[in-house]
Protein backbone atom coordinates (compact mmCIF):
# COMPACT_ATOMS: atom_id res chain seq x y z
CA MET A 1 8.45 -16.15 9.68
CA SER A 2 8.57 -14.86 6.14
CA ILE A 3 6.82 -11.68 5.05
CA LYS A 4 5.64 -11.30 1.47
CA ILE A 5 5.94 -7.85 -0.07
CA ILE A 6 3.64 -7.34 -3.05
CA ILE A 7 4.54 -4.34 -5.19
CA THR A 8 1.74 -2.75 -7.20
CA GLY A 9 3.29 0.60 -8.08
CA GLY A 10 2.04 3.90 -6.74
CA THR A 11 3.91 7.14 -6.15
CA PHE A 12 6.65 5.38 -4.16
CA ASP A 13 8.00 3.78 -7.32
CA LYS A 14 7.57 6.67 -9.74
CA GLU A 15 10.50 8.27 -11.59
CA TYR A 16 10.73 11.86 -12.80
CA ASN A 17 11.38 12.72 -16.43
CA GLU A 18 13.45 15.92 -16.28
CA LEU A 19 12.68 16.80 -19.91
CA THR A 20 8.89 16.53 -19.79
CA GLY A 21 8.23 16.92 -16.06
CA GLU A 22 6.15 13.75 -16.12
CA LEU A 23 6.21 10.94 -13.60
CA PHE A 24 6.56 7.38 -14.91
CA PHE A 25 7.38 3.83 -13.81
CA ASN A 26 10.67 2.10 -14.51
CA LYS A 27 11.46 -0.41 -11.76
CA THR A 28 10.65 -0.73 -8.08
CA HIS A 29 12.75 0.97 -5.41
CA ILE A 30 11.75 -1.48 -2.67
CA PRO A 31 14.92 -3.66 -2.70
CA GLU A 32 17.12 -0.54 -2.62
CA THR A 33 15.07 0.92 0.24
CA LEU A 34 15.33 -2.30 2.24
CA LYS A 35 19.08 -2.37 1.69
CA LEU A 36 19.46 1.26 2.81
CA GLY A 37 17.36 0.49 5.87
CA ARG A 38 19.56 -2.53 6.66
CA SER A 39 16.51 -4.80 6.86
CA ARG A 40 17.27 -8.21 8.34
CA LEU A 41 13.83 -9.66 7.82
CA GLU A 42 13.07 -12.79 5.82
CA LEU A 43 11.20 -11.31 2.85
CA LYS A 44 9.74 -12.57 -0.39
CA ILE A 45 9.30 -9.73 -2.87
CA LEU A 46 6.93 -9.93 -5.82
CA THR A 47 6.32 -7.14 -8.34
CA LEU A 48 2.74 -7.77 -9.35
CA MET A 49 2.25 -4.59 -11.40
CA MET A 50 3.54 -1.04 -11.68
CA CYS A 51 0.35 0.98 -11.74
CA ASP A 52 -0.84 4.39 -10.61
CA SER A 53 -3.81 3.59 -8.39
CA LEU A 54 -5.88 6.22 -10.23
CA ASN A 55 -5.65 3.85 -13.21
CA MET A 56 -6.48 0.69 -11.22
CA ASN A 57 -9.67 -1.16 -11.96
CA TYR A 58 -11.46 -4.21 -10.54
CA SER A 59 -9.34 -6.56 -12.66
CA ASP A 60 -6.17 -5.20 -11.06
CA VAL A 61 -7.66 -5.57 -7.58
CA ASP A 62 -8.73 -9.13 -8.43
CA ILE A 63 -5.09 -9.92 -9.27
CA ILE A 64 -4.00 -8.52 -5.88
CA LEU A 65 -6.78 -10.41 -4.08
CA LYS A 66 -5.87 -13.69 -5.77
CA GLU A 67 -2.18 -13.27 -4.91
CA CYS A 68 -3.02 -12.59 -1.26
CA ARG A 69 -5.41 -15.55 -1.06
CA ASP A 70 -2.95 -17.93 -2.73
CA SER A 71 0.06 -16.76 -0.72
CA LYS A 72 1.37 -19.26 1.82
CA GLU A 73 2.65 -16.34 3.89
CA GLU A 74 0.26 -15.08 6.57
CA LYS A 75 1.99 -11.69 6.76
CA ILE A 76 1.69 -9.60 3.59
CA LEU A 77 2.75 -6.02 2.91
CA ILE A 78 1.43 -4.33 -0.24
CA THR A 79 2.91 -1.16 -1.70
CA HIS A 80 0.08 0.72 -3.35
CA GLY A 81 -0.87 4.13 -4.68
CA THR A 82 -2.60 6.23 -2.05
CA ASP A 83 -5.53 7.44 -4.15
CA LYS A 84 -7.35 4.09 -4.21
CA MET A 85 -5.57 2.36 -1.34
CA VAL A 86 -8.70 2.46 0.86
CA ASN A 87 -10.76 0.82 -1.90
CA THR A 88 -8.31 -2.06 -2.33
CA ALA A 89 -8.00 -2.51 1.44
CA LYS A 90 -11.79 -2.73 1.75
CA ILE A 91 -12.04 -5.45 -0.91
CA LEU A 92 -9.20 -7.42 0.70
CA GLY A 93 -10.67 -6.96 4.18
CA GLU A 94 -14.07 -8.24 3.11
CA ASN A 95 -12.57 -11.34 1.48
CA ILE A 96 -9.53 -12.40 3.55
CA LYS A 97 -9.75 -13.12 7.28
CA ASN A 98 -6.83 -15.47 8.02
CA LYS A 99 -3.88 -13.19 7.26
CA THR A 100 -2.38 -9.90 8.34
CA ILE A 101 -2.26 -7.59 5.33
CA VAL A 102 -0.83 -4.08 5.45
CA LEU A 103 -1.03 -1.58 2.59
CA THR A 104 1.34 1.36 2.47
CA GLY A 105 2.59 3.91 -0.02
CA ALA A 106 4.01 7.37 -0.40
CA ILE A 107 2.85 10.88 -1.16
CA ILE A 108 6.30 11.85 -2.49
CA PRO A 109 8.24 9.57 -4.91
CA TYR A 110 11.35 7.79 -3.58
CA ALA A 111 13.33 9.21 -6.51
CA PHE A 112 12.84 12.75 -5.14
CA GLY A 113 15.11 11.94 -2.18
CA SER A 114 12.71 13.31 0.42
CA SER A 115 10.07 10.62 0.20
CA ASP A 116 7.87 9.62 3.08
CA GLY A 117 7.86 6.14 1.53
CA MET A 118 10.96 4.95 3.36
CA PHE A 119 9.44 5.71 6.75
CA ASN A 120 6.09 4.25 5.68
CA LEU A 121 7.75 1.04 4.47
CA GLY A 122 9.64 0.60 7.74
CA SER A 123 6.53 1.30 9.78
CA ALA A 124 4.50 -1.12 7.67
CA LEU A 125 7.08 -3.88 8.18
CA ALA A 126 6.85 -3.40 11.94
CA PHE A 127 3.05 -3.32 11.97
CA VAL A 128 2.62 -6.38 9.71
CA GLN A 129 4.65 -8.37 12.25
CA SER A 130 2.72 -7.18 15.29
CA LEU A 131 -0.93 -6.68 14.31
CA PRO A 132 -3.49 -9.51 14.49
CA HIS A 133 -5.09 -10.95 11.37
CA GLY A 134 -6.91 -8.27 9.44
CA VAL A 135 -6.34 -5.67 6.74
CA TYR A 136 -4.76 -2.33 7.60
CA ILE A 137 -3.39 0.82 6.03
CA VAL A 138 -0.13 2.15 7.45
CA MET A 139 0.92 5.71 6.70
CA ASN A 140 3.04 8.23 8.60
CA GLY A 141 3.68 5.94 11.58
CA LYS A 142 -0.02 5.17 12.18
CA TYR A 143 -2.09 2.13 11.36
CA PHE A 144 -5.77 2.15 10.46
CA HIS A 145 -8.27 -0.68 10.13
CA TYR A 146 -9.52 -0.88 6.53
CA GLY A 147 -13.10 -0.05 7.50
CA ASN A 148 -12.25 3.06 9.47
CA VAL A 149 -9.92 5.17 7.31
CA ARG A 150 -9.94 7.69 4.51
CA LYS A 151 -7.41 9.80 2.68
CA ASN A 152 -7.93 13.47 3.42
CA ILE A 153 -7.35 14.95 -0.02
CA GLN A 154 -6.98 18.49 1.37
CA ASN A 155 -3.87 17.66 3.43
CA GLY A 156 -2.70 14.35 1.91
CA ASN A 157 -2.93 12.49 5.23
CA PHE A 158 -4.82 9.36 6.17
CA GLU A 159 -7.24 9.68 9.07
CA GLU A 160 -9.82 7.71 11.00
CA ILE A 161 -13.44 8.24 10.02
CA LYS A 162 -16.57 8.09 12.10
CA LEU A 163 -17.90 4.57 11.73
CA LYS A 164 -21.54 5.59 11.33
CA ASN A 165 -20.60 7.70 8.27
CA ASN A 166 -18.06 5.35 6.73
CA LYS A 167 -20.39 4.04 4.03
CA ASP A 168 -20.39 7.44 2.33
CA ASP A 169 -16.64 7.92 2.78
CA LEU A 170 -15.73 4.46 1.45
CA SER A 171 -17.87 4.88 -1.65
CA LYS A 172 -15.78 7.82 -2.92
CA GLY A 173 -13.24 6.97 -5.59
CA ASN A 174 -14.67 3.59 -6.57
CA PHE A 175 -12.86 1.54 -9.16
CA SER A 176 -14.18 1.84 -12.67
C-alpha cells in the first residue's frame, strides 16, 4: 500500500531569513523529516506548490483537488498551511468520497528546530493508514472530520465545532 504525500507549502516548509527576519520558501523539509523519523513506509512524494495558505486561492485548491482525484493512491497526505487548511479540506471532502485524505501542517517552521510539524507528520501518516475513506485534518495527535473542525486563532489549536453552528465557522477565511 503506497501513500502519496502532496506538499503544498505552509509554515512547515518555511525558512527564516536572519537578515530581514522574514519567512520564505526554499525547498521542502518532508524528505529530511521522514529520514530523521526512520519512516519505512512506501511513499510517493510530490511537491505541488510552495505556498502560504493565506495566499491560496480557488485555482490553487483546484490544482490540489485535481491531483487528489487523479491519484491512483487511495491514501493521500497533504502538507498545508494551517490558516486555510479547513477551507481546502471542505472542498476536498465535498468532492472526493473514495479515498482517505489527511491534511496536516505546523504552527512553527521545521527550520526553527522546535517545530510541531514532525509530530504532526508522523501522526498524519498513522491516521491516513487507519481511518476510513473521508477527508480529515490531523494536528497535535488528534484527527478531525473536515466538516467538524476549526482553527482557534486565539490559541493556535484545531478543535471540534458544534455541528449546528458549523456553517458560520466554515465560512470564515474563504478563498479569494
